[in-house]
């Protein structure tokens, strides 16, 4: 396996750099969507005093 990932023109180094960043961005977007959904659910459940 080391032979396959050893100096393959730079694409393997790029993946080692880009993959953790992509995972972090995905996690942040997931958390934002989940938070927005929770926020809207809480606002819908809140009684209105008008």
Protein backbone atom coordinates (compact mmCIF):
# COMPACT_ATOMS: atom_id res chain seq x y z
CA UNK A 1 0.00 0.00 0.00
CA UNK A 2 2.87 2.39 0.71
CA UNK A 3 4.09 1.88 -2.83
CA UNK A 4 0.78 3.11 -4.22
CA UNK A 5 0.76 6.27 -2.09
CA UNK A 6 4.44 7.15 -2.48
CA UNK A 7 5.06 10.21 -4.67
CA UNK A 8 2.30 9.84 -7.22
CA UNK A 9 2.80 13.26 -8.77
CA UNK A 10 1.50 15.17 -5.77
CA UNK A 11 -2.12 14.00 -5.80
CA UNK A 12 -1.63 11.94 -2.65
CA UNK A 13 -0.18 14.89 -0.76
CA UNK A 14 -3.07 17.02 -1.98
CA UNK A 15 -5.57 14.48 -0.63
CA UNK A 16 -3.81 14.37 2.74
CA UNK A 17 -4.23 18.17 2.90
CA UNK A 18 -7.67 18.58 1.31
CA UNK A 19 -9.57 15.67 2.84
CA UNK A 20 -9.46 16.88 6.48
CA UNK A 21 -10.45 20.37 5.34
CA UNK A 22 -13.37 18.99 3.32
CA UNK A 23 -14.51 16.91 6.31
CA UNK A 24 -14.35 19.97 8.59
CA UNK A 25 -16.34 22.10 6.13
CA UNK A 26 -18.94 19.35 5.82
CA UNK A 27 -19.24 19.06 9.60
CA UNK A 28 -19.72 22.82 9.98
CA UNK A 29 -22.39 22.92 7.26
CA UNK A 30 -24.17 19.96 8.86
CA UNK A 31 -24.12 21.67 12.26
CA UNK A 32 -25.41 24.94 10.78
CA UNK A 33 -28.32 23.17 9.08
CA UNK A 34 -29.14 21.25 12.23
CA UNK A 35 -28.99 24.43 14.33
CA UNK A 36 -31.22 26.35 11.91
CA UNK A 37 -33.77 23.55 11.96
CA UNK A 38 -33.74 23.42 15.76
CA UNK A 39 -34.04 27.22 15.95
CA UNK A 40 -37.08 27.24 13.66
CA UNK A 41 -38.71 24.43 15.65
CA UNK A 42 -38.21 26.39 18.88
CA UNK A 43 -39.67 29.57 17.37
CA UNK A 44 -42.72 27.68 16.11
CA UNK A 45 -43.30 26.18 19.56
CA UNK A 46 -42.87 29.53 21.35
CA UNK A 47 -46.21 31.09 22.39
CA UNK A 48 -46.84 34.49 20.85
CA UNK A 49 -47.91 37.36 23.13
CA UNK A 50 -49.79 39.76 20.83
